[in-house]
Amino acid sequence: MEAGLPPMTADSVRELLAAAGAQVMARSGRTEHYSAPREFSFEVKGTFPNGMTLHIVARQFNYRDPWEASGRVNDLVDVMLLKEGDLTPLPKGYPYFQGIDEECGVDEEQLREIINCVGSVHVKLYELQRITGDLA
């Protein structure tokens, strides 16, 4: 793990999505107590005007000190892409979600790129690539 990655929170991810024009919902999982039962520390969903949805999950905290006493952060998240409620890859030609519907271990800079990418997708590309045989 790189110590230089900025931490992400439900609020910071919500702000990134909202700034890109998405309608956003967020919830926290793990609390500040180590023994909390949830397997994630937060999740955020953002639906863009084009109908595409990003579901972002921070599965667990990372620790920046050896005794887990302080420095508990989420600096990597997993991002799933949904279209009309179903997991989906992006059409060919995009730098993310090529043949997959989840990007794992995404840092904040990559998340910003993914948000910009998904927010700008023209959904008619799916139909066009389906017709031409480029999309399964």
C-alpha atoms as a PDB file:
ATOM      1  CA  MET A   1       0.000   0.000   0.000  1.00  0.00           C
ATOM      2  CA  GLU A   2       1.294   3.437  -0.870  1.00  0.00           C
ATOM      3  CA  ALA A   3       1.315   5.857   2.052  1.00  0.00           C
ATOM      4  CA  GLY A   4       0.725   8.796  -0.291  1.00  0.00           C
ATOM      5  CA  LEU A   5      -2.789   7.867  -1.403  1.00  0.00           C
ATOM      6  CA  PRO A   6      -5.449  10.253  -0.090  1.00  0.00           C
ATOM      7  CA  PRO A   7      -8.113   8.670   2.113  1.00  0.00           C
ATOM      8  CA  MET A   8     -11.685   8.468   0.836  1.00  0.00           C
ATOM      9  CA  THR A   9     -14.856   8.731   2.899  1.00  0.00           C
ATOM     10  CA  ALA A  10     -18.524   8.311   2.076  1.00  0.00           C
ATOM     11  CA  ASP A  11     -18.776  12.112   2.049  1.00  0.00           C
ATOM     12  CA  SER A  12     -15.772  12.674  -0.227  1.00  0.00           C
ATOM     13  CA  VAL A  13     -16.994  10.069  -2.738  1.00  0.00           C
ATOM     14  CA  ARG A  14     -20.529  11.500  -2.563  1.00  0.00           C
ATOM     15  CA  GLU A  15     -19.131  14.947  -3.354  1.00  0.00           C
ATOM     16  CA  LEU A  16     -17.174  13.632  -6.374  1.00  0.00           C
ATOM     17  CA  LEU A  17     -20.310  12.034  -7.818  1.00  0.00           C
ATOM     18  CA  ALA A  18     -22.567  15.006  -7.073  1.00  0.00           C
ATOM     19  CA  ALA A  19     -20.073  17.397  -8.689  1.00  0.00           C
ATOM     20  CA  ALA A  20     -20.302  15.254 -11.850  1.00  0.00           C
ATOM     21  CA  GLY A  21     -24.101  15.609 -11.894  1.00  0.00           C
ATOM     22  CA  ALA A  22     -25.081  12.256 -10.370  1.00  0.00           C
ATOM     23  CA  GLN A  23     -27.920  11.662  -7.924  1.00  0.00           C
ATOM     24  CA  VAL A  24     -26.185  10.136  -4.924  1.00  0.00           C
ATOM     25  CA  MET A  25     -27.037   7.852  -2.013  1.00  0.00           C
ATOM     26  CA  ALA A  26     -24.521   6.757   0.629  1.00  0.00           C
ATOM     27  CA  ARG A  27     -24.375   4.659   3.760  1.00  0.00           C
ATOM     28  CA  SER A  28     -21.729   3.679   6.236  1.00  0.00           C
ATOM     29  CA  GLY A  29     -20.990   0.127   7.236  1.00  0.00           C
ATOM     30  CA  ARG A  30     -18.286  -0.320   9.812  1.00  0.00           C
ATOM     31  CA  THR A  31     -18.412   2.070  12.678  1.00  0.00           C
ATOM     32  CA  GLU A  32     -15.419   3.375  14.553  1.00  0.00           C
ATOM     33  CA  HIS A  33     -15.463   0.160  16.594  1.00  0.00           C
ATOM     34  CA  TYR A  34     -13.196  -2.529  15.243  1.00  0.00           C
ATOM     35  CA  SER A  35     -15.651  -5.357  15.951  1.00  0.00           C
ATOM     36  CA  ALA A  36     -18.519  -3.896  13.924  1.00  0.00           C
ATOM     37  CA  PRO A  37     -20.175  -6.692  11.934  1.00  0.00           C
ATOM     38  CA  ARG A  38     -20.427  -5.072   8.519  1.00  0.00           C
ATOM     39  CA  GLU A  39     -17.867  -6.132   5.906  1.00  0.00           C
ATOM     40  CA  PHE A  40     -17.608  -2.686   4.328  1.00  0.00           C
ATOM     41  CA  SER A  41     -16.847   0.713   5.766  1.00  0.00           C
ATOM     42  CA  PHE A  42     -19.022   2.635   3.304  1.00  0.00           C
ATOM     43  CA  GLU A  43     -20.837   2.366   0.012  1.00  0.00           C
ATOM     44  CA  VAL A  44     -22.025   5.079  -2.341  1.00  0.00           C
ATOM     45  CA  LYS A  45     -24.267   4.850  -5.415  1.00  0.00           C
ATOM     46  CA  GLY A  46     -24.442   7.579  -8.001  1.00  0.00           C
ATOM     47  CA  THR A  47     -26.818   7.600 -10.968  1.00  0.00           C
ATOM     48  CA  PHE A  48     -25.944   9.913 -13.844  1.00  0.00           C
ATOM     49  CA  PRO A  49     -28.388  11.700 -16.151  1.00  0.00           C
ATOM     50  CA  ASN A  50     -27.466   9.153 -18.880  1.00  0.00           C
ATOM     51  CA  GLY A  51     -28.917   6.369 -16.676  1.00  0.00           C
ATOM     52  CA  MET A  52     -25.558   4.779 -15.818  1.00  0.00           C
ATOM     53  CA  THR A  53     -24.904   3.999 -12.141  1.00  0.00           C
ATOM     54  CA  LEU A  54     -21.657   3.588 -10.231  1.00  0.00           C
ATOM     55  CA  HIS A  55     -21.777   1.526  -7.040  1.00  0.00           C
ATOM     56  CA  ILE A  56     -18.656   2.265  -5.008  1.00  0.00           C
ATOM     57  CA  VAL A  57     -17.739   0.118  -2.015  1.00  0.00           C
ATOM     58  CA  ALA A  58     -14.912   0.530   0.473  1.00  0.00           C
ATOM     59  CA  ARG A  59     -14.733  -3.010   1.775  1.00  0.00           C
ATOM     60  CA  GLN A  60     -12.476  -2.546   4.764  1.00  0.00           C
ATOM     61  CA  PHE A  61     -10.193  -0.092   6.429  1.00  0.00           C
ATOM     62  CA  ASN A  62      -6.477  -0.058   5.752  1.00  0.00           C
ATOM     63  CA  TYR A  63      -4.134   0.866   8.567  1.00  0.00           C
ATOM     64  CA  ARG A  64      -1.168   3.145   8.185  1.00  0.00           C
ATOM     65  CA  ASP A  65       0.537   2.210  11.422  1.00  0.00           C
ATOM     66  CA  PRO A  66       1.640  -1.254  12.551  1.00  0.00           C
ATOM     67  CA  TRP A  67      -0.467  -1.430  15.718  1.00  0.00           C
ATOM     68  CA  GLU A  68      -3.803  -0.373  14.179  1.00  0.00           C
ATOM     69  CA  ALA A  69      -4.039   2.368  16.770  1.00  0.00           C
ATOM     70  CA  SER A  70      -4.483   5.295  14.400  1.00  0.00           C
ATOM     71  CA  GLY A  71      -4.413   6.114  10.742  1.00  0.00           C
ATOM     72  CA  ARG A  72      -7.424   3.996   9.812  1.00  0.00           C
ATOM     73  CA  VAL A  73      -8.329   4.950   6.247  1.00  0.00           C
ATOM     74  CA  ASN A  74      -9.979   3.818   3.050  1.00  0.00           C
ATOM     75  CA  ASP A  75      -7.661   4.697   0.203  1.00  0.00           C
ATOM     76  CA  LEU A  76      -8.845   2.044  -2.270  1.00  0.00           C
ATOM     77  CA  VAL A  77     -12.406   1.193  -3.310  1.00  0.00           C
ATOM     78  CA  ASP A  78     -14.166  -1.255  -5.619  1.00  0.00           C
ATOM     79  CA  VAL A  79     -16.400   0.199  -8.328  1.00  0.00           C
ATOM     80  CA  MET A  80     -19.249  -1.628 -10.056  1.00  0.00           C
ATOM     81  CA  LEU A  81     -20.987  -0.317 -13.180  1.00  0.00           C
ATOM     82  CA  LEU A  82     -24.721  -0.726 -13.688  1.00  0.00           C
ATOM     83  CA  LYS A  83     -26.971   0.055 -16.633  1.00  0.00           C
ATOM     84  CA  GLU A  84     -30.714  -0.177 -16.032  1.00  0.00           C
ATOM     85  CA  GLY A  85     -30.013  -1.921 -12.721  1.00  0.00           C
ATOM     86  CA  ASP A  86     -27.840  -4.690 -14.182  1.00  0.00           C
ATOM     87  CA  LEU A  87     -24.067  -5.029 -14.000  1.00  0.00           C
ATOM     88  CA  THR A  88     -22.486  -4.146 -17.334  1.00  0.00           C
ATOM     89  CA  PRO A  89     -19.141  -3.402 -18.997  1.00  0.00           C
ATOM     90  CA  LEU A  90     -18.645  -0.181 -20.947  1.00  0.00           C
ATOM     91  CA  PRO A  91     -18.771  -0.220 -24.744  1.00  0.00           C
ATOM     92  CA  LYS A  92     -15.431  -0.702 -26.490  1.00  0.00           C
ATOM     93  CA  GLY A  93     -13.119   2.274 -26.611  1.00  0.00           C
ATOM     94  CA  TYR A  94     -13.231   3.322 -22.961  1.00  0.00           C
ATOM     95  CA  PRO A  95     -10.293   2.925 -20.571  1.00  0.00           C
ATOM     96  CA  TYR A  96     -12.331   1.171 -17.856  1.00  0.00           C
ATOM     97  CA  PHE A  97     -14.847  -1.677 -17.552  1.00  0.00           C
ATOM     98  CA  GLN A  98     -13.670  -3.434 -20.703  1.00  0.00           C
ATOM     99  CA  GLY A  99     -15.156  -6.923 -20.606  1.00  0.00           C
ATOM    100  CA  ILE A 100     -15.714  -6.590 -16.855  1.00  0.00           C
ATOM    101  CA  ASP A 101     -18.365  -4.948 -14.696  1.00  0.00           C
ATOM    102  CA  GLU A 102     -16.179  -4.212 -11.640  1.00  0.00           C
ATOM    103  CA  GLU A 103     -12.916  -2.332 -11.188  1.00  0.00           C
ATOM    104  CA  CYS A 104     -11.151  -3.334  -7.951  1.00  0.00           C
ATOM    105  CA  GLY A 105      -8.535  -1.495  -5.922  1.00  0.00           C
ATOM    106  CA  VAL A 106      -9.286   1.948  -7.358  1.00  0.00           C
ATOM    107  CA  ASP A 107      -7.597   5.002  -5.828  1.00  0.00           C
ATOM    108  CA  GLU A 108      -9.100   8.502  -5.757  1.00  0.00           C
ATOM    109  CA  GLU A 109      -7.439   9.674  -8.980  1.00  0.00           C
ATOM    110  CA  GLN A 110      -8.695   6.606 -10.879  1.00  0.00           C
ATOM    111  CA  LEU A 111     -12.141   7.072  -9.315  1.00  0.00           C
ATOM    112  CA  ARG A 112     -12.280  10.645 -10.641  1.00  0.00           C
ATOM    113  CA  GLU A 113     -11.389   9.337 -14.127  1.00  0.00           C
ATOM    114  CA  ILE A 114     -14.039   6.600 -13.925  1.00  0.00           C
ATOM    115  CA  ILE A 115     -16.695   9.092 -12.795  1.00  0.00           C
ATOM    116  CA  ASN A 116     -15.876  11.425 -15.706  1.00  0.00           C
ATOM    117  CA  CYS A 117     -15.828   8.514 -18.145  1.00  0.00           C
ATOM    118  CA  VAL A 118     -19.127   6.937 -17.065  1.00  0.00           C
ATOM    119  CA  GLY A 119     -20.882  10.290 -16.748  1.00  0.00           C
ATOM    120  CA  SER A 120     -20.060  11.098 -20.374  1.00  0.00           C
ATOM    121  CA  VAL A 121     -21.070   7.746 -21.935  1.00  0.00           C
ATOM    122  CA  HIS A 122     -23.733   8.031 -24.616  1.00  0.00           C
ATOM    123  CA  VAL A 123     -25.913   5.008 -23.881  1.00  0.00           C
ATOM    124  CA  LYS A 124     -26.884   4.587 -27.550  1.00  0.00           C
ATOM    125  CA  LEU A 125     -23.351   3.220 -28.029  1.00  0.00           C
ATOM    126  CA  TYR A 126     -24.544   0.011 -26.355  1.00  0.00           C
ATOM    127  CA  GLU A 127     -27.202  -0.524 -29.005  1.00  0.00           C
ATOM    128  CA  LEU A 128     -24.878   0.479 -31.837  1.00  0.00           C
ATOM    129  CA  GLN A 129     -22.146  -1.921 -30.678  1.00  0.00           C
ATOM    130  CA  ARG A 130     -24.713  -4.669 -30.108  1.00  0.00           C
ATOM    131  CA  ILE A 131     -25.957  -4.264 -33.702  1.00  0.00           C
ATOM    132  CA  THR A 132     -22.426  -4.274 -35.134  1.00  0.00           C
ATOM    133  CA  GLY A 133     -21.444  -7.300 -33.037  1.00  0.00           C
ATOM    134  CA  ASP A 134     -18.825  -5.412 -31.022  1.00  0.00           C
ATOM    135  CA  LEU A 135     -20.732  -5.823 -27.758  1.00  0.00           C
ATOM    136  CA  ALA A 136     -21.725  -9.214 -26.445  1.00  0.00           C
END
